[in-house]
Amino acid sequence: MAKNINSVSFTVLLVVLLMASTEILKSDAACFKFLGECGLVPFTGSNADCKACCEVKFGNLTVCAGRVESEGTPPVDHCHCYGTS
């Protein structure tokens, strides 16, 4: 039993190191700074539409994600723009 746990632990550690070395973790983890909102409220488009709106408003080099998120009660969709800096 202990031998199996050691094998699993080693495999998980290897996968995490591989992901860290290839910057897979960095790409999504770095995209957290809220830049602002874009478009009309309620926003009726998709996440892709939201990202396109954000790129026009804030510049495509600054924006790494645009997400349609619900706020308030009752929930109303807003387009939120996120960037790395």
PDB file of N, CA and C in Angstrom:
ATOM      1  N   MET A   1       0.820  -1.191   0.000  1.00  0.00           N
ATOM      2  CA  MET A   1       0.000   0.000   0.000  1.00  0.00           C
ATOM      3  C   MET A   1       0.868   1.262   0.000  1.00  0.00           C
ATOM      4  N   ALA A   2       1.876   1.293   0.846  1.00  0.00           N
ATOM      5  CA  ALA A   2       2.751   2.460   0.916  1.00  0.00           C
ATOM      6  C   ALA A   2       3.509   2.654  -0.392  1.00  0.00           C
ATOM      7  N   LYS A   3       3.840   1.555  -1.049  1.00  0.00           N
ATOM      8  CA  LYS A   3       4.554   1.639  -2.323  1.00  0.00           C
ATOM      9  C   LYS A   3       3.672   2.322  -3.375  1.00  0.00           C
ATOM     10  N   ASN A   4       2.359   2.017  -3.375  1.00  0.00           N
ATOM     11  CA  ASN A   4       1.439   2.636  -4.329  1.00  0.00           C
ATOM     12  C   ASN A   4       1.279   4.126  -4.064  1.00  0.00           C
ATOM     13  N   ILE A   5       1.209   4.498  -2.792  1.00  0.00           N
ATOM     14  CA  ILE A   5       1.070   5.911  -2.438  1.00  0.00           C
ATOM     15  C   ILE A   5       2.306   6.684  -2.862  1.00  0.00           C
ATOM     16  N   ASN A   6       3.490   6.107  -2.664  1.00  0.00           N
ATOM     17  CA  ASN A   6       4.726   6.760  -3.091  1.00  0.00           C
ATOM     18  C   ASN A   6       4.761   6.935  -4.600  1.00  0.00           C
ATOM     19  N   SER A   7       4.297   5.958  -5.341  1.00  0.00           N
ATOM     20  CA  SER A   7       4.274   6.050  -6.800  1.00  0.00           C
ATOM     21  C   SER A   7       3.332   7.154  -7.257  1.00  0.00           C
ATOM     22  N   VAL A   8       2.171   7.225  -6.640  1.00  0.00           N
ATOM     23  CA  VAL A   8       1.201   8.262  -6.997  1.00  0.00           C
ATOM     24  C   VAL A   8       1.750   9.641  -6.646  1.00  0.00           C
ATOM     25  N   SER A   9       2.345   9.781  -5.483  1.00  0.00           N
ATOM     26  CA  SER A   9       2.913  11.065  -5.070  1.00  0.00           C
ATOM     27  C   SER A   9       4.005  11.515  -6.022  1.00  0.00           C
ATOM     28  N   PHE A  10       4.858  10.603  -6.420  1.00  0.00           N
ATOM     29  CA  PHE A  10       5.930  10.924  -7.352  1.00  0.00           C
ATOM     30  C   PHE A  10       5.360  11.342  -8.699  1.00  0.00           C
ATOM     31  N   THR A  11       4.342  10.658  -9.178  1.00  0.00           N
ATOM     32  CA  THR A  11       3.734  10.981 -10.465  1.00  0.00           C
ATOM     33  C   THR A  11       3.081  12.360 -10.438  1.00  0.00           C
ATOM     34  N   VAL A  12       2.367  12.662  -9.356  1.00  0.00           N
ATOM     35  CA  VAL A  12       1.736  13.974  -9.226  1.00  0.00           C
ATOM     36  C   VAL A  12       2.790  15.067  -9.183  1.00  0.00           C
ATOM     37  N   LEU A  13       3.843  14.866  -8.444  1.00  0.00           N
ATOM     38  CA  LEU A  13       4.929  15.833  -8.360  1.00  0.00           C
ATOM     39  C   LEU A  13       5.557  16.052  -9.730  1.00  0.00           C
ATOM     40  N   LEU A  14       5.765  15.001 -10.476  1.00  0.00           N
ATOM     41  CA  LEU A  14       6.339  15.095 -11.817  1.00  0.00           C
ATOM     42  C   LEU A  14       5.445  15.906 -12.749  1.00  0.00           C
ATOM     43  N   VAL A  15       4.134  15.675 -12.693  1.00  0.00           N
ATOM     44  CA  VAL A  15       3.198  16.413 -13.541  1.00  0.00           C
ATOM     45  C   VAL A  15       3.185  17.898 -13.174  1.00  0.00           C
ATOM     46  N   VAL A  16       3.196  18.204 -11.885  1.00  0.00           N
ATOM     47  CA  VAL A  16       3.200  19.609 -11.446  1.00  0.00           C
ATOM     48  C   VAL A  16       4.482  20.302 -11.901  1.00  0.00           C
ATOM     49  N   LEU A  17       5.604  19.657 -11.769  1.00  0.00           N
ATOM     50  CA  LEU A  17       6.870  20.244 -12.222  1.00  0.00           C
ATOM     51  C   LEU A  17       6.883  20.459 -13.728  1.00  0.00           C
ATOM     52  N   LEU A  18       6.319  19.526 -14.476  1.00  0.00           N
ATOM     53  CA  LEU A  18       6.239  19.664 -15.923  1.00  0.00           C
ATOM     54  C   LEU A  18       5.364  20.861 -16.297  1.00  0.00           C
ATOM     55  N   MET A  19       4.221  20.994 -15.623  1.00  0.00           N
ATOM     56  CA  MET A  19       3.330  22.118 -15.913  1.00  0.00           C
ATOM     57  C   MET A  19       3.990  23.449 -15.564  1.00  0.00           C
ATOM     58  N   ALA A  20       4.694  23.489 -14.464  1.00  0.00           N
ATOM     59  CA  ALA A  20       5.363  24.725 -14.045  1.00  0.00           C
ATOM     60  C   ALA A  20       6.490  25.093 -15.000  1.00  0.00           C
ATOM     61  N   SER A  21       7.216  24.123 -15.467  1.00  0.00           N
ATOM     62  CA  SER A  21       8.347  24.409 -16.344  1.00  0.00           C
ATOM     63  C   SER A  21       7.903  24.836 -17.738  1.00  0.00           C
ATOM     64  N   THR A  22       6.717  24.428 -18.169  1.00  0.00           N
ATOM     65  CA  THR A  22       6.234  24.822 -19.497  1.00  0.00           C
ATOM     66  C   THR A  22       5.313  26.036 -19.432  1.00  0.00           C
ATOM     67  N   GLU A  23       5.155  26.639 -18.259  1.00  0.00           N
ATOM     68  CA  GLU A  23       4.360  27.833 -18.015  1.00  0.00           C
ATOM     69  C   GLU A  23       2.884  27.643 -18.327  1.00  0.00           C
ATOM     70  N   ILE A  24       2.385  26.420 -18.235  1.00  0.00           N
ATOM     71  CA  ILE A  24       0.959  26.177 -18.413  1.00  0.00           C
ATOM     72  C   ILE A  24       0.185  26.838 -17.282  1.00  0.00           C
ATOM     73  N   LEU A  25       0.706  26.759 -16.067  1.00  0.00           N
ATOM     74  CA  LEU A  25       0.035  27.355 -14.922  1.00  0.00           C
ATOM     75  C   LEU A  25       0.046  28.880 -14.991  1.00  0.00           C
ATOM     76  N   LYS A  26       1.106  29.442 -15.513  1.00  0.00           N
ATOM     77  CA  LYS A  26       1.278  30.890 -15.523  1.00  0.00           C
ATOM     78  C   LYS A  26       0.263  31.585 -16.424  1.00  0.00           C
ATOM     79  N   SER A  27      -0.122  30.968 -17.522  1.00  0.00           N
ATOM     80  CA  SER A  27      -0.973  31.631 -18.493  1.00  0.00           C
ATOM     81  C   SER A  27      -2.330  32.026 -17.910  1.00  0.00           C
ATOM     82  N   ASP A  28      -3.014  31.133 -17.202  1.00  0.00           N
ATOM     83  CA  ASP A  28      -4.300  31.465 -16.612  1.00  0.00           C
ATOM     84  C   ASP A  28      -4.157  32.119 -15.254  1.00  0.00           C
ATOM     85  N   ALA A  29      -3.142  31.776 -14.522  1.00  0.00           N
ATOM     86  CA  ALA A  29      -2.975  32.316 -13.179  1.00  0.00           C
ATOM     87  C   ALA A  29      -2.629  33.801 -13.228  1.00  0.00           C
ATOM     88  N   ALA A  30      -1.961  34.253 -14.277  1.00  0.00           N
ATOM     89  CA  ALA A  30      -1.557  35.644 -14.369  1.00  0.00           C
ATOM     90  C   ALA A  30      -2.703  36.554 -14.785  1.00  0.00           C
ATOM     91  N   CYS A  31      -3.779  36.000 -15.282  1.00  0.00           N
ATOM     92  CA  CYS A  31      -4.896  36.790 -15.792  1.00  0.00           C
ATOM     93  C   CYS A  31      -5.922  37.008 -14.687  1.00  0.00           C
ATOM     94  N   PHE A  32      -5.640  37.957 -13.787  1.00  0.00           N
ATOM     95  CA  PHE A  32      -6.534  38.147 -12.654  1.00  0.00           C
ATOM     96  C   PHE A  32      -6.880  39.609 -12.381  1.00  0.00           C
ATOM     97  N   LYS A  33      -6.192  40.568 -12.973  1.00  0.00           N
ATOM     98  CA  LYS A  33      -6.432  41.972 -12.661  1.00  0.00           C
ATOM     99  C   LYS A  33      -7.679  42.474 -13.385  1.00  0.00           C
ATOM    100  N   PHE A  34      -8.637  42.967 -12.631  1.00  0.00           N
ATOM    101  CA  PHE A  34      -9.876  43.505 -13.191  1.00  0.00           C
ATOM    102  C   PHE A  34      -9.593  44.858 -13.826  1.00  0.00           C
ATOM    103  N   LEU A  35      -9.867  44.961 -15.127  1.00  0.00           N
ATOM    104  CA  LEU A  35      -9.615  46.207 -15.848  1.00  0.00           C
ATOM    105  C   LEU A  35     -10.849  47.099 -15.884  1.00  0.00           C
ATOM    106  N   GLY A  36     -12.019  46.486 -15.926  1.00  0.00           N
ATOM    107  CA  GLY A  36     -13.253  47.253 -15.990  1.00  0.00           C
ATOM    108  C   GLY A  36     -14.331  46.486 -16.722  1.00  0.00           C
ATOM    109  N   GLU A  37     -15.446  47.161 -16.982  1.00  0.00           N
ATOM    110  CA  GLU A  37     -16.557  46.553 -17.695  1.00  0.00           C
ATOM    111  C   GLU A  37     -16.598  47.077 -19.118  1.00  0.00           C
ATOM    112  N   CYS A  38     -17.285  46.330 -19.974  1.00  0.00           N
ATOM    113  CA  CYS A  38     -17.385  46.705 -21.371  1.00  0.00           C
ATOM    114  C   CYS A  38     -18.784  46.353 -21.871  1.00  0.00           C
ATOM    115  N   GLY A  39     -19.308  47.145 -22.774  1.00  0.00           N
ATOM    116  CA  GLY A  39     -20.580  46.832 -23.410  1.00  0.00           C
ATOM    117  C   GLY A  39     -21.783  47.257 -22.598  1.00  0.00           C
ATOM    118  N   LEU A  40     -22.937  46.913 -23.133  1.00  0.00           N
ATOM    119  CA  LEU A  40     -24.202  47.269 -22.511  1.00  0.00           C
ATOM    120  C   LEU A  40     -24.526  46.357 -21.339  1.00  0.00           C
ATOM    121  N   VAL A  41     -25.362  46.858 -20.441  1.00  0.00           N
ATOM    122  CA  VAL A  41     -25.854  46.050 -19.324  1.00  0.00           C
ATOM    123  C   VAL A  41     -27.351  45.920 -19.515  1.00  0.00           C
ATOM    124  N   PRO A  42     -27.935  44.749 -19.594  1.00  0.00           N
ATOM    125  CA  PRO A  42     -27.269  43.446 -19.498  1.00  0.00           C
ATOM    126  C   PRO A  42     -26.510  43.104 -20.775  1.00  0.00           C
ATOM    127  N   PHE A  43     -25.392  42.421 -20.611  1.00  0.00           N
ATOM    128  CA  PHE A  43     -24.576  41.987 -21.744  1.00  0.00           C
ATOM    129  C   PHE A  43     -25.177  40.699 -22.285  1.00  0.00           C
ATOM    130  N   THR A  44     -25.521  40.684 -23.553  1.00  0.00           N
ATOM    131  CA  THR A  44     -26.227  39.530 -24.133  1.00  0.00           C
ATOM    132  C   THR A  44     -25.324  38.629 -24.964  1.00  0.00           C
ATOM    133  N   GLY A  45     -24.049  38.957 -25.087  1.00  0.00           N
ATOM    134  CA  GLY A  45     -23.138  38.159 -25.909  1.00  0.00           C
ATOM    135  C   GLY A  45     -22.468  37.042 -25.134  1.00  0.00           C
ATOM    136  N   SER A  46     -21.553  36.364 -25.816  1.00  0.00           N
ATOM    137  CA  SER A  46     -20.799  35.251 -25.235  1.00  0.00           C
ATOM    138  C   SER A  46     -19.495  35.771 -24.627  1.00  0.00           C
ATOM    139  N   ASN A  47     -18.710  34.860 -24.046  1.00  0.00           N
ATOM    140  CA  ASN A  47     -17.390  35.231 -23.523  1.00  0.00           C
ATOM    141  C   ASN A  47     -16.476  35.731 -24.642  1.00  0.00           C
ATOM    142  N   ALA A  48     -16.604  35.145 -25.844  1.00  0.00           N
ATOM    143  CA  ALA A  48     -15.791  35.584 -26.979  1.00  0.00           C
ATOM    144  C   ALA A  48     -16.167  37.010 -27.383  1.00  0.00           C
ATOM    145  N   ASP A  49     -17.464  37.317 -27.386  1.00  0.00           N
ATOM    146  CA  ASP A  49     -17.912  38.682 -27.685  1.00  0.00           C
ATOM    147  C   ASP A  49     -17.406  39.655 -26.630  1.00  0.00           C
ATOM    148  N   CYS A  50     -17.432  39.221 -25.391  1.00  0.00           N
ATOM    149  CA  CYS A  50     -16.966  40.044 -24.280  1.00  0.00           C
ATOM    150  C   CYS A  50     -15.475  40.345 -24.428  1.00  0.00           C
ATOM    151  N   LYS A  51     -14.689  39.337 -24.749  1.00  0.00           N
ATOM    152  CA  LYS A  51     -13.248  39.548 -24.907  1.00  0.00           C
ATOM    153  C   LYS A  51     -12.956  40.491 -26.059  1.00  0.00           C
ATOM    154  N   ALA A  52     -13.709  40.356 -27.157  1.00  0.00           N
ATOM    155  CA  ALA A  52     -13.524  41.260 -28.303  1.00  0.00           C
ATOM    156  C   ALA A  52     -13.837  42.700 -27.914  1.00  0.00           C
ATOM    157  N   CYS A  53     -14.898  42.903 -27.143  1.00  0.00           N
ATOM    158  CA  CYS A  53     -15.251  44.235 -26.658  1.00  0.00           C
ATOM    159  C   CYS A  53     -14.138  44.795 -25.775  1.00  0.00           C
ATOM    160  N   CYS A  54     -13.607  43.966 -24.892  1.00  0.00           N
ATOM    161  CA  CYS A  54     -12.529  44.383 -23.989  1.00  0.00           C
ATOM    162  C   CYS A  54     -11.271  44.767 -24.764  1.00  0.00           C
ATOM    163  N   GLU A  55     -10.953  44.010 -25.804  1.00  0.00           N
ATOM    164  CA  GLU A  55      -9.759  44.297 -26.596  1.00  0.00           C
ATOM    165  C   GLU A  55      -9.882  45.634 -27.313  1.00  0.00           C
ATOM    166  N   VAL A  56     -11.088  45.975 -27.765  1.00  0.00           N
ATOM    167  CA  VAL A  56     -11.302  47.271 -28.408  1.00  0.00           C
ATOM    168  C   VAL A  56     -11.167  48.396 -27.380  1.00  0.00           C
ATOM    169  N   LYS A  57     -11.725  48.196 -26.204  1.00  0.00           N
ATOM    170  CA  LYS A  57     -11.732  49.247 -25.186  1.00  0.00           C
ATOM    171  C   LYS A  57     -10.379  49.445 -24.505  1.00  0.00           C
ATOM    172  N   PHE A  58      -9.687  48.347 -24.152  1.00  0.00           N
ATOM    173  CA  PHE A  58      -8.455  48.440 -23.363  1.00  0.00           C
ATOM    174  C   PHE A  58      -7.187  48.106 -24.147  1.00  0.00           C
ATOM    175  N   GLY A  59      -7.318  47.604 -25.361  1.00  0.00           N
ATOM    176  CA  GLY A  59      -6.153  47.207 -26.159  1.00  0.00           C
ATOM    177  C   GLY A  59      -5.906  45.721 -26.060  1.00  0.00           C
ATOM    178  N   ASN A  60      -5.644  45.092 -27.202  1.00  0.00           N
ATOM    179  CA  ASN A  60      -5.523  43.627 -27.212  1.00  0.00           C
ATOM    180  C   ASN A  60      -4.262  43.119 -26.527  1.00  0.00           C
ATOM    181  N   LEU A  61      -3.267  43.957 -26.304  1.00  0.00           N
ATOM    182  CA  LEU A  61      -2.070  43.501 -25.585  1.00  0.00           C
ATOM    183  C   LEU A  61      -2.304  43.480 -24.072  1.00  0.00           C
ATOM    184  N   THR A  62      -3.210  44.302 -23.587  1.00  0.00           N
ATOM    185  CA  THR A  62      -3.487  44.388 -22.151  1.00  0.00           C
ATOM    186  C   THR A  62      -4.455  43.311 -21.695  1.00  0.00           C
ATOM    187  N   VAL A  63      -5.429  42.959 -22.537  1.00  0.00           N
ATOM    188  CA  VAL A  63      -6.519  42.054 -22.153  1.00  0.00           C
ATOM    189  C   VAL A  63      -6.113  40.605 -22.380  1.00  0.00           C
ATOM    190  N   CYS A  64      -6.337  39.770 -21.370  1.00  0.00           N
ATOM    191  CA  CYS A  64      -6.101  38.336 -21.555  1.00  0.00           C
ATOM    192  C   CYS A  64      -7.385  37.525 -21.414  1.00  0.00           C
ATOM    193  N   ALA A  65      -8.479  38.153 -20.916  1.00  0.00           N
ATOM    194  CA  ALA A  65      -9.748  37.438 -20.811  1.00  0.00           C
ATOM    195  C   ALA A  65     -10.901  38.427 -20.709  1.00  0.00           C
ATOM    196  N   GLY A  66     -12.014  38.008 -21.252  1.00  0.00           N
ATOM    197  CA  GLY A  66     -13.268  38.726 -21.102  1.00  0.00           C
ATOM    198  C   GLY A  66     -14.311  37.706 -20.691  1.00  0.00           C
ATOM    199  N   ARG A  67     -14.969  37.942 -19.571  1.00  0.00           N
ATOM    200  CA  ARG A  67     -15.911  36.943 -19.059  1.00  0.00           C
ATOM    201  C   ARG A  67     -17.260  37.586 -18.778  1.00  0.00           C
ATOM    202  N   VAL A  68     -18.315  36.894 -19.207  1.00  0.00           N
ATOM    203  CA  VAL A  68     -19.671  37.334 -18.884  1.00  0.00           C
ATOM    204  C   VAL A  68     -20.001  36.774 -17.505  1.00  0.00           C
ATOM    205  N   GLU A  69     -20.226  37.679 -16.549  1.00  0.00           N
ATOM    206  CA  GLU A  69     -20.484  37.275 -15.166  1.00  0.00           C
ATOM    207  C   GLU A  69     -21.757  37.946 -14.669  1.00  0.00           C
ATOM    208  N   SER A  70     -22.502  37.220 -13.842  1.00  0.00           N
ATOM    209  CA  SER A  70     -23.752  37.736 -13.295  1.00  0.00           C
ATOM    210  C   SER A  70     -23.499  38.475 -11.992  1.00  0.00           C
ATOM    211  N   GLU A  71     -24.187  39.620 -11.827  1.00  0.00           N
ATOM    212  CA  GLU A  71     -24.075  40.418 -10.613  1.00  0.00           C
ATOM    213  C   GLU A  71     -25.460  40.809 -10.135  1.00  0.00           C
ATOM    214  N   GLY A  72     -25.593  40.969  -8.839  1.00  0.00           N
ATOM    215  CA  GLY A  72     -26.798  41.530  -8.256  1.00  0.00           C
ATOM    216  C   GLY A  72     -27.919  40.539  -8.050  1.00  0.00           C
ATOM    217  N   THR A  73     -29.029  41.093  -7.506  1.00  0.00           N
ATOM    218  CA  THR A  73     -30.235  40.308  -7.293  1.00  0.00           C
ATOM    219  C   THR A  73     -31.390  41.114  -7.843  1.00  0.00           C
ATOM    220  N   PRO A  74     -32.064  40.693  -8.857  1.00  0.00           N
ATOM    221  CA  PRO A  74     -31.856  39.475  -9.641  1.00  0.00           C
ATOM    222  C   PRO A  74     -30.571  39.579 -10.466  1.00  0.00           C
ATOM    223  N   PRO A  75     -29.987  38.437 -10.819  1.00  0.00           N
ATOM    224  CA  PRO A  75     -28.714  38.452 -11.542  1.00  0.00           C
ATOM    225  C   PRO A  75     -28.830  39.115 -12.921  1.00  0.00           C
ATOM    226  N   VAL A  76     -27.882  40.000 -13.194  1.00  0.00           N
ATOM    227  CA  VAL A  76     -27.788  40.685 -14.480  1.00  0.00           C
ATOM    228  C   VAL A  76     -26.389  40.435 -15.025  1.00  0.00           C
ATOM    229  N   ASP A  77     -26.301  40.037 -16.306  1.00  0.00           N
ATOM    230  CA  ASP A  77     -25.001  39.746 -16.920  1.00  0.00           C
ATOM    231  C   ASP A  77     -24.227  41.018 -17.247  1.00  0.00           C
ATOM    232  N   HIS A  78     -22.940  40.989 -16.903  1.00  0.00           N
ATOM    233  CA  HIS A  78     -22.012  42.082 -17.197  1.00  0.00           C
ATOM    234  C   HIS A  78     -20.811  41.482 -17.903  1.00  0.00           C
ATOM    235  N   CYS A  79     -20.169  42.272 -18.765  1.00  0.00           N
ATOM    236  CA  CYS A  79     -18.928  41.856 -19.414  1.00  0.00           C
ATOM    237  C   CYS A  79     -17.771  42.429 -18.597  1.00  0.00           C
ATOM    238  N   HIS A  80     -16.982  41.556 -17.984  1.00  0.00           N
ATOM    239  CA  HIS A  80     -15.836  41.964 -17.173  1.00  0.00           C
ATOM    240  C   HIS A  80     -14.543  41.675 -17.925  1.00  0.00           C
ATOM    241  N   CYS A  81     -13.658  42.645 -17.930  1.00  0.00           N
ATOM    242  CA  CYS A  81     -12.384  42.527 -18.628  1.00  0.00           C
ATOM    243  C   CYS A  81     -11.259  42.294 -17.618  1.00  0.00           C
ATOM    244  N   TYR A  82     -10.370  41.355 -17.951  1.00  0.00           N
ATOM    245  CA  TYR A  82      -9.247  41.014 -17.068  1.00  0.00           C
ATOM    246  C   TYR A  82      -7.938  41.095 -17.856  1.00  0.00           C
ATOM    247  N   GLY A  83      -6.886  41.519 -17.167  1.00  0.00           N
ATOM    248  CA  GLY A  83      -5.582  41.623 -17.789  1.00  0.00           C
ATOM    249  C   GLY A  83      -4.475  41.181 -16.841  1.00  0.00           C
ATOM    250  N   THR A  84      -3.262  41.283 -17.340  1.00  0.00           N
ATOM    251  CA  THR A  84      -2.117  40.831 -16.554  1.00  0.00           C
ATOM    252  C   THR A  84      -1.412  41.988 -15.863  1.00  0.00           C
ATOM    253  N   SER A  85      -1.645  43.208 -16.315  1.00  0.00           N
ATOM    254  CA  SER A  85      -0.949  44.338 -15.676  1.00  0.00           C
ATOM    255  C   SER A  85      -1.859  45.523 -15.519  1.00  0.00           C
TER     256      SER A  85
END
